């Protein structure tokens, strides 16, 4: 699981 921020500044979780 990887955590990143989208262009809106919201935290998103990506599988990988």
PDB file of N, CA and C in Angstrom:
ATOM      1  N   UNK A   1       0.857  -1.197   0.000  1.00  0.00           N
ATOM      2  CA  UNK A   1       0.000   0.000   0.000  1.00  0.00           C
ATOM      3  C   UNK A   1       0.887   1.239   0.000  1.00  0.00           C
ATOM      4  N   UNK A   2       0.516   2.206  -0.783  1.00  0.00           N
ATOM      5  CA  UNK A   2       1.306   3.439  -0.876  1.00  0.00           C
ATOM      6  C   UNK A   2       0.379   4.638  -0.723  1.00  0.00           C
ATOM      7  N   UNK A   3       0.825   5.624   0.060  1.00  0.00           N
ATOM      8  CA  UNK A   3      -0.001   6.806   0.266  1.00  0.00           C
ATOM      9  C   UNK A   3       0.563   7.981  -0.506  1.00  0.00           C
ATOM     10  N   UNK A   4      -0.300   8.670  -1.241  1.00  0.00           N
ATOM     11  CA  UNK A   4       0.113   9.847  -2.002  1.00  0.00           C
ATOM     12  C   UNK A   4      -0.940  10.930  -1.868  1.00  0.00           C
ATOM     13  N   UNK A   5      -0.631  12.125  -2.381  1.00  0.00           N
ATOM     14  CA  UNK A   5      -1.609  13.209  -2.357  1.00  0.00           C
ATOM     15  C   UNK A   5      -2.006  13.544  -3.788  1.00  0.00           C
ATOM     16  N   UNK A   6      -3.300  13.705  -4.003  1.00  0.00           N
ATOM     17  CA  UNK A   6      -3.765  14.073  -5.339  1.00  0.00           C
ATOM     18  C   UNK A   6      -3.634  15.585  -5.533  1.00  0.00           C
ATOM     19  N   UNK A   7      -4.048  16.065  -6.684  1.00  0.00           N
ATOM     20  CA  UNK A   7      -3.882  17.482  -7.023  1.00  0.00           C
ATOM     21  C   UNK A   7      -4.714  18.376  -6.113  1.00  0.00           C
ATOM     22  N   UNK A   8      -5.724  17.786  -5.447  1.00  0.00           N
ATOM     23  CA  UNK A   8      -6.579  18.564  -4.561  1.00  0.00           C
ATOM     24  C   UNK A   8      -6.017  18.612  -3.142  1.00  0.00           C
ATOM     25  N   UNK A   9      -4.967  17.823  -2.907  1.00  0.00           N
ATOM     26  CA  UNK A   9      -4.351  17.795  -1.588  1.00  0.00           C
ATOM     27  C   UNK A   9      -4.937  16.728  -0.694  1.00  0.00           C
ATOM     28  N   UNK A  10      -5.838  15.908  -1.264  1.00  0.00           N
ATOM     29  CA  UNK A  10      -6.430  14.835  -0.479  1.00  0.00           C
ATOM     30  C   UNK A  10      -5.502  13.623  -0.475  1.00  0.00           C
ATOM     31  N   UNK A  11      -5.517  12.888   0.625  1.00  0.00           N
ATOM     32  CA  UNK A  11      -4.668  11.703   0.720  1.00  0.00           C
ATOM     33  C   UNK A  11      -5.351  10.537   0.026  1.00  0.00           C
ATOM     34  N   UNK A  12      -4.623   9.880  -0.866  1.00  0.00           N
ATOM     35  CA  UNK A  12      -5.171   8.732  -1.583  1.00  0.00           C
ATOM     36  C   UNK A  12      -4.293   7.512  -1.342  1.00  0.00           C
ATOM     37  N   UNK A  13      -4.908   6.330  -1.256  1.00  0.00           N
ATOM     38  CA  UNK A  13      -4.165   5.104  -1.049  1.00  0.00           C
ATOM     39  C   UNK A  13      -4.135   4.312  -2.351  1.00  0.00           C
ATOM     40  N   UNK A  14      -2.930   3.924  -2.761  1.00  0.00           N
ATOM     41  CA  UNK A  14      -2.766   3.175  -4.000  1.00  0.00           C
ATOM     42  C   UNK A  14      -2.223   1.790  -3.692  1.00  0.00           C
ATOM     43  N   UNK A  15      -2.763   0.772  -4.342  1.00  0.00           N
ATOM     44  CA  UNK A  15      -2.237  -0.578  -4.171  1.00  0.00           C
ATOM     45  C   UNK A  15      -1.052  -0.772  -5.104  1.00  0.00           C
ATOM     46  N   UNK A  16      -0.046  -1.497  -4.613  1.00  0.00           N
ATOM     47  CA  UNK A  16       1.086  -1.736  -5.471  1.00  0.00           C
ATOM     48  C   UNK A  16       2.310  -2.092  -4.643  1.00  0.00           C
TER      49      UNK A  16
END
